[in-house]
Amino acid sequence: MKLAQSLILPGGSTLDNPIKNSNLDTVGGIVSQLITYIFVIAGIGLLVVILSSGFTLLTSAGDAKAMEKGKKGLTNGIVGFVIIFVAYWLVQIAGIVFGIPEITQLFK
């Protein structure tokens, strides 16, 4: 099943079968296209978790339960950041060690 036969670009040039050319016909192609958005969403989520935890800490007014909830949220946000950061660098190092240049070019 073909989703698009050709795409007419501005200036009159055409791109035959844009789905095939954009590498969205495989799972790996889809993941490689989505990976930059996944990191952006993870970063925004981290920011939201840290801000909400900080707000909870600031507004706890000495309440032990609220303060503990804020500390726990802040700890979870930092642990999540470390996991994302380590995963990114492990993939980069694996690409270099195993000689797969596509991995290092994926995140550029």
PDB file of N, CA and C in Angstrom:
ATOM      1  N   MET A   1       0.844  -1.170   0.000  1.00  0.00           N
ATOM      2  CA  MET A   1       0.000   0.000   0.000  1.00  0.00           C
ATOM      3  C   MET A   1       0.890   1.234   0.000  1.00  0.00           C
ATOM      4  N   LYS A   2       0.693   2.102  -0.950  1.00  0.00           N
ATOM      5  CA  LYS A   2       1.448   3.339  -1.022  1.00  0.00           C
ATOM      6  C   LYS A   2       0.599   4.471  -0.475  1.00  0.00           C
ATOM      7  N   LEU A   3       1.181   5.239   0.413  1.00  0.00           N
ATOM      8  CA  LEU A   3       0.445   6.346   1.003  1.00  0.00           C
ATOM      9  C   LEU A   3       0.491   7.592   0.125  1.00  0.00           C
ATOM     10  N   ALA A   4       1.573   7.782  -0.576  1.00  0.00           N
ATOM     11  CA  ALA A   4       1.695   8.942  -1.450  1.00  0.00           C
ATOM     12  C   ALA A   4       2.540   8.556  -2.651  1.00  0.00           C
ATOM     13  N   GLN A   5       2.064   8.908  -3.834  1.00  0.00           N
ATOM     14  CA  GLN A   5       2.802   8.592  -5.046  1.00  0.00           C
ATOM     15  C   GLN A   5       3.962   9.563  -5.244  1.00  0.00           C
ATOM     16  N   SER A   6       3.680  10.853  -5.143  1.00  0.00           N
ATOM     17  CA  SER A   6       4.736  11.853  -5.265  1.00  0.00           C
ATOM     18  C   SER A   6       4.291  13.106  -4.535  1.00  0.00           C
ATOM     19  N   LEU A   7       5.258  13.897  -4.165  1.00  0.00           N
ATOM     20  CA  LEU A   7       5.006  15.132  -3.440  1.00  0.00           C
ATOM     21  C   LEU A   7       5.577  16.274  -4.264  1.00  0.00           C
ATOM     22  N   ILE A   8       4.765  17.287  -4.543  1.00  0.00           N
ATOM     23  CA  ILE A   8       5.220  18.446  -5.311  1.00  0.00           C
ATOM     24  C   ILE A   8       5.727  19.478  -4.311  1.00  0.00           C
ATOM     25  N   LEU A   9       7.001  19.800  -4.434  1.00  0.00           N
ATOM     26  CA  LEU A   9       7.640  20.749  -3.535  1.00  0.00           C
ATOM     27  C   LEU A   9       7.548  22.155  -4.094  1.00  0.00           C
ATOM     28  N   PRO A  10       7.695  23.176  -3.240  1.00  0.00           N
ATOM     29  CA  PRO A  10       7.724  24.543  -3.755  1.00  0.00           C
ATOM     30  C   PRO A  10       8.853  24.705  -4.777  1.00  0.00           C
ATOM     31  N   GLY A  11       8.572  25.365  -5.852  1.00  0.00           N
ATOM     32  CA  GLY A  11       9.553  25.525  -6.921  1.00  0.00           C
ATOM     33  C   GLY A  11       9.305  24.540  -8.055  1.00  0.00           C
ATOM     34  N   GLY A  12       8.333  23.651  -7.890  1.00  0.00           N
ATOM     35  CA  GLY A  12       7.965  22.742  -8.954  1.00  0.00           C
ATOM     36  C   GLY A  12       8.655  21.399  -8.950  1.00  0.00           C
ATOM     37  N   SER A  13       9.647  21.172  -8.100  1.00  0.00           N
ATOM     38  CA  SER A  13      10.311  19.873  -8.088  1.00  0.00           C
ATOM     39  C   SER A  13       9.432  18.863  -7.356  1.00  0.00           C
ATOM     40  N   THR A  14       9.632  17.581  -7.656  1.00  0.00           N
ATOM     41  CA  THR A  14       8.815  16.543  -7.045  1.00  0.00           C
ATOM     42  C   THR A  14       9.692  15.572  -6.263  1.00  0.00           C
ATOM     43  N   LEU A  15       9.094  14.962  -5.292  1.00  0.00           N
ATOM     44  CA  LEU A  15       9.750  13.941  -4.485  1.00  0.00           C
ATOM     45  C   LEU A  15       8.909  12.685  -4.610  1.00  0.00           C
ATOM     46  N   ASP A  16       9.444  11.667  -5.275  1.00  0.00           N
ATOM     47  CA  ASP A  16       8.698  10.442  -5.482  1.00  0.00           C
ATOM     48  C   ASP A  16       8.681   9.616  -4.207  1.00  0.00           C
ATOM     49  N   ASN A  17       7.490   9.163  -3.843  1.00  0.00           N
ATOM     50  CA  ASN A  17       7.253   8.328  -2.675  1.00  0.00           C
ATOM     51  C   ASN A  17       7.940   8.897  -1.427  1.00  0.00           C
ATOM     52  N   PRO A  18       7.436  10.018  -0.879  1.00  0.00           N
ATOM     53  CA  PRO A  18       8.081  10.670   0.269  1.00  0.00           C
ATOM     54  C   PRO A  18       8.149   9.802   1.510  1.00  0.00           C
ATOM     55  N   ILE A  19       7.218   8.868   1.670  1.00  0.00           N
ATOM     56  CA  ILE A  19       7.259   7.993   2.840  1.00  0.00           C
ATOM     57  C   ILE A  19       8.493   7.101   2.770  1.00  0.00           C
ATOM     58  N   LYS A  20       8.788   6.556   1.605  1.00  0.00           N
ATOM     59  CA  LYS A  20       9.957   5.689   1.423  1.00  0.00           C
ATOM     60  C   LYS A  20      11.240   6.492   1.617  1.00  0.00           C
ATOM     61  N   ASN A  21      11.283   7.730   1.094  1.00  0.00           N
ATOM     62  CA  ASN A  21      12.489   8.545   1.193  1.00  0.00           C
ATOM     63  C   ASN A  21      12.726   9.067   2.611  1.00  0.00           C
ATOM     64  N   SER A  22      11.677   9.204   3.417  1.00  0.00           N
ATOM     65  CA  SER A  22      11.865   9.723   4.767  1.00  0.00           C
ATOM     66  C   SER A  22      12.178   8.612   5.766  1.00  0.00           C
ATOM     67  N   ASN A  23      12.272   7.376   5.299  1.00  0.00           N
ATOM     68  CA  ASN A  23      12.659   6.236   6.125  1.00  0.00           C
ATOM     69  C   ASN A  23      11.622   5.931   7.207  1.00  0.00           C
ATOM     70  N   LEU A  24      10.339   6.185   6.907  1.00  0.00           N
ATOM     71  CA  LEU A  24       9.280   5.889   7.860  1.00  0.00           C
ATOM     72  C   LEU A  24       8.614   4.548   7.575  1.00  0.00           C
ATOM     73  N   ASP A  25       9.230   3.739   6.737  1.00  0.00           N
ATOM     74  CA  ASP A  25       8.633   2.456   6.404  1.00  0.00           C
ATOM     75  C   ASP A  25       9.142   1.332   7.300  1.00  0.00           C
ATOM     76  N   THR A  26      10.038   1.628   8.228  1.00  0.00           N
ATOM     77  CA  THR A  26      10.534   0.634   9.181  1.00  0.00           C
ATOM     78  C   THR A  26      10.378   1.174  10.602  1.00  0.00           C
ATOM     79  N   VAL A  27      10.392   0.280  11.558  1.00  0.00           N
ATOM     80  CA  VAL A  27      10.285   0.685  12.957  1.00  0.00           C
ATOM     81  C   VAL A  27      11.493   1.526  13.358  1.00  0.00           C
ATOM     82  N   GLY A  28      12.676   1.136  12.890  1.00  0.00           N
ATOM     83  CA  GLY A  28      13.884   1.897  13.192  1.00  0.00           C
ATOM     84  C   GLY A  28      13.828   3.307  12.631  1.00  0.00           C
ATOM     85  N   GLY A  29      13.266   3.445  11.438  1.00  0.00           N
ATOM     86  CA  GLY A  29      13.131   4.769  10.837  1.00  0.00           C
ATOM     87  C   GLY A  29      12.184   5.653  11.622  1.00  0.00           C
ATOM     88  N   ILE A  30      11.097   5.062  12.095  1.00  0.00           N
ATOM     89  CA  ILE A  30      10.142   5.823  12.889  1.00  0.00           C
ATOM     90  C   ILE A  30      10.770   6.247  14.217  1.00  0.00           C
ATOM     91  N   VAL A  31      11.480   5.335  14.862  1.00  0.00           N
ATOM     92  CA  VAL A  31      12.127   5.660  16.140  1.00  0.00           C
ATOM     93  C   VAL A  31      13.191   6.733  15.943  1.00  0.00           C
ATOM     94  N   SER A  32      13.966   6.643  14.869  1.00  0.00           N
ATOM     95  CA  SER A  32      15.003   7.648  14.642  1.00  0.00           C
ATOM     96  C   SER A  32      14.412   9.023  14.362  1.00  0.00           C
ATOM     97  N   GLN A  33      13.230   9.069  13.760  1.00  0.00           N
ATOM     98  CA  GLN A  33      12.576  10.352  13.544  1.00  0.00           C
ATOM     99  C   GLN A  33      11.982  10.907  14.840  1.00  0.00           C
ATOM    100  N   LEU A  34      11.552  10.043  15.732  1.00  0.00           N
ATOM    101  CA  LEU A  34      10.898  10.472  16.966  1.00  0.00           C
ATOM    102  C   LEU A  34      11.853  10.733  18.117  1.00  0.00           C
ATOM    103  N   ILE A  35      13.097  10.268  18.027  1.00  0.00           N
ATOM    104  CA  ILE A  35      14.006  10.309  19.168  1.00  0.00           C
ATOM    105  C   ILE A  35      14.284  11.728  19.657  1.00  0.00           C
ATOM    106  N   THR A  36      14.398  12.684  18.748  1.00  0.00           N
ATOM    107  CA  THR A  36      14.653  14.059  19.194  1.00  0.00           C
ATOM    108  C   THR A  36      13.446  14.616  19.933  1.00  0.00           C
ATOM    109  N   TYR A  37      12.245  14.267  19.485  1.00  0.00           N
ATOM    110  CA  TYR A  37      11.050  14.738  20.175  1.00  0.00           C
ATOM    111  C   TYR A  37      10.909  14.072  21.533  1.00  0.00           C
ATOM    112  N   ILE A  38      11.334  12.838  21.635  1.00  0.00           N
ATOM    113  CA  ILE A  38      11.247  12.121  22.909  1.00  0.00           C
ATOM    114  C   ILE A  38      12.132  12.802  23.956  1.00  0.00           C
ATOM    115  N   PHE A  39      13.331  13.211  23.562  1.00  0.00           N
ATOM    116  CA  PHE A  39      14.224  13.887  24.504  1.00  0.00           C
ATOM    117  C   PHE A  39      13.674  15.251  24.906  1.00  0.00           C
ATOM    118  N   VAL A  40      13.057  15.958  23.977  1.00  0.00           N
ATOM    119  CA  VAL A  40      12.464  17.256  24.298  1.00  0.00           C
ATOM    120  C   VAL A  40      11.311  17.081  25.275  1.00  0.00           C
ATOM    121  N   ILE A  41      10.446  16.104  25.020  1.00  0.00           N
ATOM    122  CA  ILE A  41       9.322  15.845  25.918  1.00  0.00           C
ATOM    123  C   ILE A  41       9.815  15.421  27.296  1.00  0.00           C
ATOM    124  N   ALA A  42      10.861  14.605  27.343  1.00  0.00           N
ATOM    125  CA  ALA A  42      11.432  14.185  28.622  1.00  0.00           C
ATOM    126  C   ALA A  42      11.999  15.387  29.377  1.00  0.00           C
ATOM    127  N   GLY A  43      12.640  16.293  28.684  1.00  0.00           N
ATOM    128  CA  GLY A  43      13.180  17.489  29.329  1.00  0.00           C
ATOM    129  C   GLY A  43      12.095  18.394  29.869  1.00  0.00           C
ATOM    130  N   ILE A  44      11.012  18.557  29.110  1.00  0.00           N
ATOM    131  CA  ILE A  44       9.892  19.375  29.580  1.00  0.00           C
ATOM    132  C   ILE A  44       9.237  18.715  30.790  1.00  0.00           C
ATOM    133  N   GLY A  45       9.084  17.390  30.727  1.00  0.00           N
ATOM    134  CA  GLY A  45       8.523  16.667  31.866  1.00  0.00           C
ATOM    135  C   GLY A  45       9.385  16.819  33.108  1.00  0.00           C
ATOM    136  N   LEU A  46      10.689  16.767  32.934  1.00  0.00           N
ATOM    137  CA  LEU A  46      11.612  16.958  34.056  1.00  0.00           C
ATOM    138  C   LEU A  46      11.450  18.355  34.655  1.00  0.00           C
ATOM    139  N   LEU A  47      11.343  19.351  33.808  1.00  0.00           N
ATOM    140  CA  LEU A  47      11.157  20.723  34.286  1.00  0.00           C
ATOM    141  C   LEU A  47       9.866  20.852  35.089  1.00  0.00           C
ATOM    142  N   VAL A  48       8.801  20.260  34.593  1.00  0.00           N
ATOM    143  CA  VAL A  48       7.517  20.320  35.294  1.00  0.00           C
ATOM    144  C   VAL A  48       7.604  19.619  36.653  1.00  0.00           C
ATOM    145  N   VAL A  49       8.239  18.465  36.702  1.00  0.00           N
ATOM    146  CA  VAL A  49       8.367  17.728  37.967  1.00  0.00           C
ATOM    147  C   VAL A  49       9.185  18.533  38.972  1.00  0.00           C
ATOM    148  N   ILE A  50      10.281  19.114  38.536  1.00  0.00           N
ATOM    149  CA  ILE A  50      11.129  19.886  39.455  1.00  0.00           C
ATOM    150  C   ILE A  50      10.399  21.145  39.943  1.00  0.00           C
ATOM    151  N   LEU A  51       9.699  21.834  39.037  1.00  0.00           N
ATOM    152  CA  LEU A  51       8.971  23.034  39.451  1.00  0.00           C
ATOM    153  C   LEU A  51       7.831  22.703  40.409  1.00  0.00           C
ATOM    154  N   SER A  52       7.092  21.638  40.135  1.00  0.00           N
ATOM    155  CA  SER A  52       5.982  21.291  41.026  1.00  0.00           C
ATOM    156  C   SER A  52       6.504  20.809  42.386  1.00  0.00           C
ATOM    157  N   SER A  53       7.609  20.090  42.390  1.00  0.00           N
ATOM    158  CA  SER A  53       8.199  19.650  43.660  1.00  0.00           C
ATOM    159  C   SER A  53       8.713  20.842  44.459  1.00  0.00           C
ATOM    160  N   GLY A  54       9.345  21.774  43.782  1.00  0.00           N
ATOM    161  CA  GLY A  54       9.811  22.976  44.463  1.00  0.00           C
ATOM    162  C   GLY A  54       8.663  23.797  45.017  1.00  0.00           C
ATOM    163  N   PHE A  55       7.587  23.896  44.262  1.00  0.00           N
ATOM    164  CA  PHE A  55       6.409  24.614  44.739  1.00  0.00           C
ATOM    165  C   PHE A  55       5.809  23.921  45.958  1.00  0.00           C
ATOM    166  N   THR A  56       5.772  22.602  45.937  1.00  0.00           N
ATOM    167  CA  THR A  56       5.260  21.839  47.084  1.00  0.00           C
ATOM    168  C   THR A  56       6.136  22.069  48.306  1.00  0.00           C
ATOM    169  N   LEU A  57       7.441  22.094  48.117  1.00  0.00           N
ATOM    170  CA  LEU A  57       8.348  22.363  49.245  1.00  0.00           C
ATOM    171  C   LEU A  57       8.146  23.775  49.795  1.00  0.00           C
ATOM    172  N   LEU A  58       7.989  24.741  48.894  1.00  0.00           N
ATOM    173  CA  LEU A  58       7.828  26.127  49.343  1.00  0.00           C
ATOM    174  C   LEU A  58       6.516  26.354  50.078  1.00  0.00           C
ATOM    175  N   THR A  59       5.476  25.656  49.655  1.00  0.00           N
ATOM    176  CA  THR A  59       4.162  25.887  50.261  1.00  0.00           C
ATOM    177  C   THR A  59       3.818  24.882  51.356  1.00  0.00           C
ATOM    178  N   SER A  60       4.774  24.078  51.775  1.00  0.00           N
ATOM    179  CA  SER A  60       4.486  23.066  52.797  1.00  0.00           C
ATOM    180  C   SER A  60       4.227  23.694  54.165  1.00  0.00           C
ATOM    181  N   ALA A  61       4.768  24.846  54.420  1.00  0.00           N
ATOM    182  CA  ALA A  61       4.562  25.587  55.668  1.00  0.00           C
ATOM    183  C   ALA A  61       4.806  24.727  56.906  1.00  0.00           C
ATOM    184  N   GLY A  62       5.838  23.913  56.847  1.00  0.00           N
ATOM    185  CA  GLY A  62       6.215  23.103  57.997  1.00  0.00           C
ATOM    186  C   GLY A  62       5.467  21.789  58.117  1.00  0.00           C
ATOM    187  N   ASP A  63       4.544  21.523  57.198  1.00  0.00           N
ATOM    188  CA  ASP A  63       3.815  20.247  57.218  1.00  0.00           C
ATOM    189  C   ASP A  63       4.766  19.137  56.784  1.00  0.00           C
ATOM    190  N   ALA A  64       4.947  18.159  57.655  1.00  0.00           N
ATOM    191  CA  ALA A  64       5.933  17.103  57.390  1.00  0.00           C
ATOM    192  C   ALA A  64       5.559  16.260  56.171  1.00  0.00           C
ATOM    193  N   LYS A  65       4.269  15.965  56.004  1.00  0.00           N
ATOM    194  CA  LYS A  65       3.847  15.152  54.861  1.00  0.00           C
ATOM    195  C   LYS A  65       4.066  15.878  53.534  1.00  0.00           C
ATOM    196  N   ALA A  66       3.713  17.160  53.496  1.00  0.00           N
ATOM    197  CA  ALA A  66       3.883  17.933  52.263  1.00  0.00           C
ATOM    198  C   ALA A  66       5.366  18.109  51.939  1.00  0.00           C
ATOM    199  N   MET A  67       6.171  18.328  52.978  1.00  0.00           N
ATOM    200  CA  MET A  67       7.601  18.486  52.749  1.00  0.00           C
ATOM    201  C   MET A  67       8.218  17.183  52.232  1.00  0.00           C
ATOM    202  N   GLU A  68       7.776  16.070  52.794  1.00  0.00           N
ATOM    203  CA  GLU A  68       8.279  14.768  52.340  1.00  0.00           C
ATOM    204  C   GLU A  68       7.848  14.502  50.895  1.00  0.00           C
ATOM    205  N   LYS A  69       6.630  14.888  50.553  1.00  0.00           N
ATOM    206  CA  LYS A  69       6.141  14.718  49.177  1.00  0.00           C
ATOM    207  C   LYS A  69       6.981  15.552  48.205  1.00  0.00           C
ATOM    208  N   GLY A  70       7.314  16.784  48.590  1.00  0.00           N
ATOM    209  CA  GLY A  70       8.148  17.637  47.751  1.00  0.00           C
ATOM    210  C   GLY A  70       9.547  17.078  47.577  1.00  0.00           C
ATOM    211  N   LYS A  71      10.130  16.588  48.656  1.00  0.00           N
ATOM    212  CA  LYS A  71      11.471  15.995  48.588  1.00  0.00           C
ATOM    213  C   LYS A  71      11.480  14.750  47.705  1.00  0.00           C
ATOM    214  N   LYS A  72      10.438  13.935  47.853  1.00  0.00           N
ATOM    215  CA  LYS A  72      10.349  12.713  47.060  1.00  0.00           C
ATOM    216  C   LYS A  72      10.206  13.036  45.570  1.00  0.00           C
ATOM    217  N   GLY A  73       9.379  14.023  45.252  1.00  0.00           N
ATOM    218  CA  GLY A  73       9.212  14.433  43.857  1.00  0.00           C
ATOM    219  C   GLY A  73      10.501  14.990  43.270  1.00  0.00           C
ATOM    220  N   LEU A  74      11.217  15.784  44.045  1.00  0.00           N
ATOM    221  CA  LEU A  74      12.487  16.339  43.588  1.00  0.00           C
ATOM    222  C   LEU A  74      13.517  15.235  43.374  1.00  0.00           C
ATOM    223  N   THR A  75      13.554  14.283  44.282  1.00  0.00           N
ATOM    224  CA  THR A  75      14.470  13.147  44.131  1.00  0.00           C
ATOM    225  C   THR A  75      14.129  12.342  42.882  1.00  0.00           C
ATOM    226  N   ASN A  76      12.845  12.089  42.663  1.00  0.00           N
ATOM    227  CA  ASN A  76      12.432  11.344  41.477  1.00  0.00           C
ATOM    228  C   ASN A  76      12.780  12.091  40.194  1.00  0.00           C
ATOM    229  N   GLY A  77      12.624  13.409  40.199  1.00  0.00           N
ATOM    230  CA  GLY A  77      12.982  14.201  39.018  1.00  0.00           C
ATOM    231  C   GLY A  77      14.469  14.137  38.715  1.00  0.00           C
ATOM    232  N   ILE A  78      15.286  14.220  39.752  1.00  0.00           N
ATOM    233  CA  ILE A  78      16.737  14.159  39.554  1.00  0.00           C
ATOM    234  C   ILE A  78      17.161  12.768  39.089  1.00  0.00           C
ATOM    235  N   VAL A  79      16.572  11.722  39.681  1.00  0.00           N
ATOM    236  CA  VAL A  79      16.894  10.352  39.257  1.00  0.00           C
ATOM    237  C   VAL A  79      16.472  10.144  37.802  1.00  0.00           C
ATOM    238  N   GLY A  80      15.314  10.663  37.415  1.00  0.00           N
ATOM    239  CA  GLY A  80      14.872  10.575  36.026  1.00  0.00           C
ATOM    240  C   GLY A  80      15.824  11.276  35.082  1.00  0.00           C
ATOM    241  N   PHE A  81      16.315  12.457  35.479  1.00  0.00           N
ATOM    242  CA  PHE A  81      17.281  13.171  34.653  1.00  0.00           C
ATOM    243  C   PHE A  81      18.558  12.369  34.485  1.00  0.00           C
ATOM    244  N   VAL A  82      19.039  11.784  35.562  1.00  0.00           N
ATOM    245  CA  VAL A  82      20.264  10.981  35.488  1.00  0.00           C
ATOM    246  C   VAL A  82      20.058   9.776  34.576  1.00  0.00           C
ATOM    247  N   ILE A  83      18.900   9.133  34.653  1.00  0.00           N
ATOM    248  CA  ILE A  83      18.624   7.982  33.791  1.00  0.00           C
ATOM    249  C   ILE A  83      18.614   8.389  32.324  1.00  0.00           C
ATOM    250  N   ILE A  84      17.954   9.497  32.004  1.00  0.00           N
ATOM    251  CA  ILE A  84      17.905   9.972  30.613  1.00  0.00           C
ATOM    252  C   ILE A  84      19.304  10.341  30.133  1.00  0.00           C
ATOM    253  N   PHE A  85      20.060  11.044  30.958  1.00  0.00           N
ATOM    254  CA  PHE A  85      21.404  11.484  30.590  1.00  0.00           C
ATOM    255  C   PHE A  85      22.329  10.292  30.358  1.00  0.00           C
ATOM    256  N   VAL A  86      22.291   9.309  31.279  1.00  0.00           N
ATOM    257  CA  VAL A  86      23.145   8.126  31.159  1.00  0.00           C
ATOM    258  C   VAL A  86      22.744   7.299  29.938  1.00  0.00           C
ATOM    259  N   ALA A  87      21.447   7.171  29.678  1.00  0.00           N
ATOM    260  CA  ALA A  87      20.993   6.406  28.515  1.00  0.00           C
ATOM    261  C   ALA A  87      21.492   7.047  27.225  1.00  0.00           C
ATOM    262  N   TYR A  88      21.417   8.365  27.138  1.00  0.00           N
ATOM    263  CA  TYR A  88      21.902   9.073  25.952  1.00  0.00           C
ATOM    264  C   TYR A  88      23.388   8.791  25.734  1.00  0.00           C
ATOM    265  N   TRP A  89      24.182   8.923  26.779  1.00  0.00           N
ATOM    266  CA  TRP A  89      25.618   8.740  26.630  1.00  0.00           C
ATOM    267  C   TRP A  89      26.013   7.281  26.432  1.00  0.00           C
ATOM    268  N   LEU A  90      25.271   6.357  27.007  1.00  0.00           N
ATOM    269  CA  LEU A  90      25.560   4.940  26.753  1.00  0.00           C
ATOM    270  C   LEU A  90      25.325   4.584  25.288  1.00  0.00           C
ATOM    271  N   VAL A  91      24.263   5.131  24.710  1.00  0.00           N
ATOM    272  CA  VAL A  91      24.007   4.888  23.285  1.00  0.00           C
ATOM    273  C   VAL A  91      25.115   5.504  22.442  1.00  0.00           C
ATOM    274  N   GLN A  92      25.561   6.702  22.788  1.00  0.00           N
ATOM    275  CA  GLN A  92      26.647   7.345  22.050  1.00  0.00           C
ATOM    276  C   GLN A  92      27.939   6.533  22.151  1.00  0.00           C
ATOM    277  N   ILE A  93      28.271   6.098  23.338  1.00  0.00           N
ATOM    278  CA  ILE A  93      29.494   5.309  23.536  1.00  0.00           C
ATOM    279  C   ILE A  93      29.406   3.977  22.814  1.00  0.00           C
ATOM    280  N   ALA A  94      28.236   3.331  22.862  1.00  0.00           N
ATOM    281  CA  ALA A  94      28.063   2.059  22.142  1.00  0.00           C
ATOM    282  C   ALA A  94      28.226   2.256  20.644  1.00  0.00           C
ATOM    283  N   GLY A  95      27.736   3.367  20.124  1.00  0.00           N
ATOM    284  CA  GLY A  95      27.902   3.658  18.702  1.00  0.00           C
ATOM    285  C   GLY A  95      29.363   3.833  18.322  1.00  0.00           C
ATOM    286  N   ILE A  96      30.131   4.459  19.187  1.00  0.00           N
ATOM    287  CA  ILE A  96      31.556   4.661  18.916  1.00  0.00           C
ATOM    288  C   ILE A  96      32.323   3.354  19.051  1.00  0.00           C
ATOM    289  N   VAL A  97      32.037   2.604  20.119  1.00  0.00           N
ATOM    290  CA  VAL A  97      32.761   1.353  20.374  1.00  0.00           C
ATOM    291  C   VAL A  97      32.503   0.336  19.261  1.00  0.00           C
ATOM    292  N   PHE A  98      31.255   0.186  18.862  1.00  0.00           N
ATOM    293  CA  PHE A  98      30.911  -0.803  17.855  1.00  0.00           C
ATOM    294  C   PHE A  98      31.036  -0.275  16.430  1.00  0.00           C
ATOM    295  N   GLY A  99      31.432   0.977  16.281  1.00  0.00           N
ATOM    296  CA  GLY A  99      31.669   1.552  14.962  1.00  0.00           C
ATOM    297  C   GLY A  99      30.405   1.736  14.136  1.00  0.00           C
ATOM    298  N   ILE A 100      29.340   2.207  14.763  1.00  0.00           N
ATOM    299  CA  ILE A 100      28.080   2.447  14.065  1.00  0.00           C
ATOM    300  C   ILE A 100      27.885   3.961  13.969  1.00  0.00           C
ATOM    301  N   PRO A 101      28.283   4.560  12.851  1.00  0.00           N
ATOM    302  CA  PRO A 101      28.198   6.026  12.751  1.00  0.00           C
ATOM    303  C   PRO A 101      26.763   6.543  12.701  1.00  0.00           C
ATOM    304  N   GLU A 102      25.805   5.697  12.334  1.00  0.00           N
ATOM    305  CA  GLU A 102      24.418   6.142  12.273  1.00  0.00           C
ATOM    306  C   GLU A 102      23.889   6.549  13.635  1.00  0.00           C
ATOM    307  N   ILE A 103      24.381   5.877  14.684  1.00  0.00           N
ATOM    308  CA  ILE A 103      23.924   6.201  16.041  1.00  0.00           C
ATOM    309  C   ILE A 103      24.404   7.595  16.429  1.00  0.00           C
ATOM    310  N   THR A 104      25.647   7.909  16.157  1.00  0.00           N
ATOM    311  CA  THR A 104      26.137   9.233  16.547  1.00  0.00           C
ATOM    312  C   THR A 104      25.504  10.321  15.701  1.00  0.00           C
ATOM    313  N   GLN A 105      25.138  10.012  14.470  1.00  0.00           N
ATOM    314  CA  GLN A 105      24.486  11.013  13.607  1.00  0.00           C
ATOM    315  C   GLN A 105      23.021  11.158  13.939  1.00  0.00           C
ATOM    316  N   LEU A 106      22.444  10.191  14.619  1.00  0.00           N
ATOM    317  CA  LEU A 106      21.025  10.207  14.952  1.00  0.00           C
ATOM    318  C   LEU A 106      20.679  11.373  15.851  1.00  0.00           C
ATOM    319  N   PHE A 107      21.545  11.737  16.761  1.00  0.00           N
ATOM    320  CA  PHE A 107      21.253  12.770  17.749  1.00  0.00           C
ATOM    321  C   PHE A 107      21.745  14.142  17.341  1.00  0.00           C
ATOM    322  N   LYS A 108      22.173  14.313  16.117  1.00  0.00           N
ATOM    323  CA  LYS A 108      22.647  15.626  15.678  1.00  0.00           C
ATOM    324  C   LYS A 108      21.552  16.393  15.002  1.00  0.00           C
TER     325      LYS A 108
END
